[in-house]
Amino acid sequence: MTEARLKAGIIVQAAIRRATIRGTPATVVRHGDDDAGQVFVVVNRGRDIGCVLLAPSRDYDTGKTVWRTPLGEDPVPERDADAYLERERGVDPDLWVLEIEDRDGWHPFDDLF
């Protein structure tokens, strides 16, 4: 049996609320399909550091959502993340992009899934 999934719009709203409570800027860079779009997260750590891209994935053992870093754990220039997202948009035009600005690398999904 497949676990029920939250709608993308609800996931993004919850992430923005968590960031707002923490005082961390969060911006919807690309609004995807409210129901079924995948949510990608760009954690911008500052121009001098770069950003980390997070992409949702399924843990095959538990069936739960996990966040992978398709460009690696280390920050990359924002243009690299943008290029990756543009390629993904060619595959999934319904995707969302949420940008979090936090020099320490915090993101609202750290302990949610």
C-alpha atoms as a PDB file:
ATOM      1  CA  MET A   1       0.000   0.000   0.000  1.00  0.00           C
ATOM      2  CA  THR A   2       1.274   3.451  -0.892  1.00  0.00           C
ATOM      3  CA  GLU A   3       1.514   6.114   1.794  1.00  0.00           C
ATOM      4  CA  ALA A   4      -0.690   9.165   1.185  1.00  0.00           C
ATOM      5  CA  ARG A   5       1.254  12.207  -0.012  1.00  0.00           C
ATOM      6  CA  LEU A   6       0.773  15.781   1.046  1.00  0.00           C
ATOM      7  CA  LYS A   7      -0.011  18.226  -1.736  1.00  0.00           C
ATOM      8  CA  ALA A   8       2.961  20.270  -2.891  1.00  0.00           C
ATOM      9  CA  GLY A   9       1.262  23.575  -2.072  1.00  0.00           C
ATOM     10  CA  ILE A  10       0.764  22.483   1.544  1.00  0.00           C
ATOM     11  CA  ILE A  11       4.386  21.341   1.848  1.00  0.00           C
ATOM     12  CA  VAL A  12       5.620  24.717   0.585  1.00  0.00           C
ATOM     13  CA  GLN A  13       3.264  26.659   2.877  1.00  0.00           C
ATOM     14  CA  ALA A  14       4.492  24.667   5.879  1.00  0.00           C
ATOM     15  CA  ALA A  15       8.127  25.252   4.926  1.00  0.00           C
ATOM     16  CA  ILE A  16       7.596  29.000   4.557  1.00  0.00           C
ATOM     17  CA  ARG A  17       5.813  29.145   7.897  1.00  0.00           C
ATOM     18  CA  ARG A  18       8.670  27.292   9.640  1.00  0.00           C
ATOM     19  CA  ALA A  19      11.205  29.646   8.061  1.00  0.00           C
ATOM     20  CA  THR A  20       9.149  32.711   9.024  1.00  0.00           C
ATOM     21  CA  ILE A  21       8.885  31.571  12.643  1.00  0.00           C
ATOM     22  CA  ARG A  22      12.651  31.159  12.685  1.00  0.00           C
ATOM     23  CA  GLY A  23      13.205  34.553  11.025  1.00  0.00           C
ATOM     24  CA  THR A  24      14.789  32.974   7.950  1.00  0.00           C
ATOM     25  CA  PRO A  25      13.933  34.370   4.505  1.00  0.00           C
ATOM     26  CA  ALA A  26      12.082  31.894   2.269  1.00  0.00           C
ATOM     27  CA  THR A  27      10.890  32.650  -1.252  1.00  0.00           C
ATOM     28  CA  VAL A  28       8.928  30.675  -3.817  1.00  0.00           C
ATOM     29  CA  VAL A  29      11.144  31.067  -6.886  1.00  0.00           C
ATOM     30  CA  ARG A  30       8.959  28.850  -9.051  1.00  0.00           C
ATOM     31  CA  HIS A  31       5.321  27.989  -8.358  1.00  0.00           C
ATOM     32  CA  GLY A  32       4.536  24.507  -9.605  1.00  0.00           C
ATOM     33  CA  ASP A  33       1.409  22.397  -9.578  1.00  0.00           C
ATOM     34  CA  ASP A  34      -0.405  22.823  -6.248  1.00  0.00           C
ATOM     35  CA  ASP A  35      -1.302  19.163  -6.025  1.00  0.00           C
ATOM     36  CA  ALA A  36       1.477  17.073  -7.497  1.00  0.00           C
ATOM     37  CA  GLY A  37       4.562  19.176  -8.259  1.00  0.00           C
ATOM     38  CA  GLN A  38       7.887  18.097  -6.800  1.00  0.00           C
ATOM     39  CA  VAL A  39       9.402  20.587  -4.353  1.00  0.00           C
ATOM     40  CA  PHE A  40      13.089  21.423  -4.771  1.00  0.00           C
ATOM     41  CA  VAL A  41      14.878  23.552  -2.188  1.00  0.00           C
ATOM     42  CA  VAL A  42      17.817  25.868  -2.814  1.00  0.00           C
ATOM     43  CA  VAL A  43      19.582  26.674   0.448  1.00  0.00           C
ATOM     44  CA  ASN A  44      21.457  29.874  -0.331  1.00  0.00           C
ATOM     45  CA  ARG A  45      24.327  30.258   2.117  1.00  0.00           C
ATOM     46  CA  GLY A  46      25.510  33.587   0.740  1.00  0.00           C
ATOM     47  CA  ARG A  47      27.303  34.783  -2.367  1.00  0.00           C
ATOM     48  CA  ASP A  48      30.720  34.003  -0.886  1.00  0.00           C
ATOM     49  CA  ILE A  49      29.729  30.434   0.101  1.00  0.00           C
ATOM     50  CA  GLY A  50      27.242  29.244  -2.531  1.00  0.00           C
ATOM     51  CA  CYS A  51      24.139  27.126  -2.251  1.00  0.00           C
ATOM     52  CA  VAL A  52      23.079  23.537  -1.679  1.00  0.00           C
ATOM     53  CA  LEU A  53      20.291  22.005  -3.723  1.00  0.00           C
ATOM     54  CA  LEU A  54      17.879  19.575  -2.060  1.00  0.00           C
ATOM     55  CA  ALA A  55      15.664  17.226  -4.036  1.00  0.00           C
ATOM     56  CA  PRO A  56      12.942  14.971  -2.653  1.00  0.00           C
ATOM     57  CA  SER A  57      13.340  11.236  -2.931  1.00  0.00           C
ATOM     58  CA  ARG A  58      11.821   8.105  -1.405  1.00  0.00           C
ATOM     59  CA  ASP A  59      13.609   5.876   1.059  1.00  0.00           C
ATOM     60  CA  TYR A  60      12.885   2.452  -0.403  1.00  0.00           C
ATOM     61  CA  ASP A  61      13.052   0.743   2.997  1.00  0.00           C
ATOM     62  CA  THR A  62      10.618   3.025   4.831  1.00  0.00           C
ATOM     63  CA  GLY A  63       8.704   4.635   1.952  1.00  0.00           C
ATOM     64  CA  LYS A  64       9.211   8.048   3.562  1.00  0.00           C
ATOM     65  CA  THR A  65      10.452  11.216   1.902  1.00  0.00           C
ATOM     66  CA  VAL A  66      14.165  11.951   2.260  1.00  0.00           C
ATOM     67  CA  TRP A  67      16.131  14.901   0.909  1.00  0.00           C
ATOM     68  CA  ARG A  68      19.123  14.159  -1.303  1.00  0.00           C
ATOM     69  CA  THR A  69      21.720  16.617  -2.552  1.00  0.00           C
ATOM     70  CA  PRO A  70      22.002  15.967  -6.312  1.00  0.00           C
ATOM     71  CA  LEU A  71      24.910  18.420  -6.697  1.00  0.00           C
ATOM     72  CA  GLY A  72      26.768  17.147  -3.625  1.00  0.00           C
ATOM     73  CA  GLU A  73      26.940  18.131   0.018  1.00  0.00           C
ATOM     74  CA  ASP A  74      29.287  21.065  -0.567  1.00  0.00           C
ATOM     75  CA  PRO A  75      27.881  24.432  -1.676  1.00  0.00           C
ATOM     76  CA  VAL A  76      28.029  25.204  -5.397  1.00  0.00           C
ATOM     77  CA  PRO A  77      27.595  28.468  -7.324  1.00  0.00           C
ATOM     78  CA  GLU A  78      23.943  29.436  -7.719  1.00  0.00           C
ATOM     79  CA  ARG A  79      24.223  29.192 -11.521  1.00  0.00           C
ATOM     80  CA  ASP A  80      24.982  25.451 -11.166  1.00  0.00           C
ATOM     81  CA  ALA A  81      21.820  24.920  -9.109  1.00  0.00           C
ATOM     82  CA  ASP A  82      19.822  27.006 -11.601  1.00  0.00           C
ATOM     83  CA  ALA A  83      21.119  24.928 -14.526  1.00  0.00           C
ATOM     84  CA  TYR A  84      20.192  21.684 -12.758  1.00  0.00           C
ATOM     85  CA  LEU A  85      16.695  22.979 -12.003  1.00  0.00           C
ATOM     86  CA  GLU A  86      16.218  24.091 -15.600  1.00  0.00           C
ATOM     87  CA  ARG A  87      17.032  20.558 -16.790  1.00  0.00           C
ATOM     88  CA  GLU A  88      14.610  19.115 -14.225  1.00  0.00           C
ATOM     89  CA  ARG A  89      11.911  21.540 -15.359  1.00  0.00           C
ATOM     90  CA  GLY A  90      12.269  20.072 -18.844  1.00  0.00           C
ATOM     91  CA  VAL A  91      11.306  16.696 -17.362  1.00  0.00           C
ATOM     92  CA  ASP A  92       8.751  17.947 -14.815  1.00  0.00           C
ATOM     93  CA  PRO A  93       7.166  21.299 -15.729  1.00  0.00           C
ATOM     94  CA  ASP A  94       5.075  21.160 -12.511  1.00  0.00           C
ATOM     95  CA  LEU A  95       8.013  21.406 -10.091  1.00  0.00           C
ATOM     96  CA  TRP A  96       8.340  24.001  -7.348  1.00  0.00           C
ATOM     97  CA  VAL A  97      11.527  25.812  -6.308  1.00  0.00           C
ATOM     98  CA  LEU A  98      11.760  27.191  -2.784  1.00  0.00           C
ATOM     99  CA  GLU A  99      14.793  29.274  -1.835  1.00  0.00           C
ATOM    100  CA  ILE A 100      15.935  29.514   1.772  1.00  0.00           C
ATOM    101  CA  GLU A 101      18.564  32.086   2.745  1.00  0.00           C
ATOM    102  CA  ASP A 102      20.590  30.809   5.677  1.00  0.00           C
ATOM    103  CA  ARG A 103      24.368  31.063   6.029  1.00  0.00           C
ATOM    104  CA  ASP A 104      24.432  28.031   8.344  1.00  0.00           C
ATOM    105  CA  GLY A 105      22.571  25.831   5.857  1.00  0.00           C
ATOM    106  CA  TRP A 106      19.334  25.346   7.817  1.00  0.00           C
ATOM    107  CA  HIS A 107      16.288  24.314   5.858  1.00  0.00           C
ATOM    108  CA  PRO A 108      12.708  23.654   7.010  1.00  0.00           C
ATOM    109  CA  PHE A 109      12.838  19.949   6.168  1.00  0.00           C
ATOM    110  CA  ASP A 110      15.728  19.125   8.514  1.00  0.00           C
ATOM    111  CA  ASP A 111      13.493  17.259  10.927  1.00  0.00           C
ATOM    112  CA  LEU A 112      10.129  16.963   9.208  1.00  0.00           C
ATOM    113  CA  PHE A 113      10.561  13.757   7.238  1.00  0.00           C
END
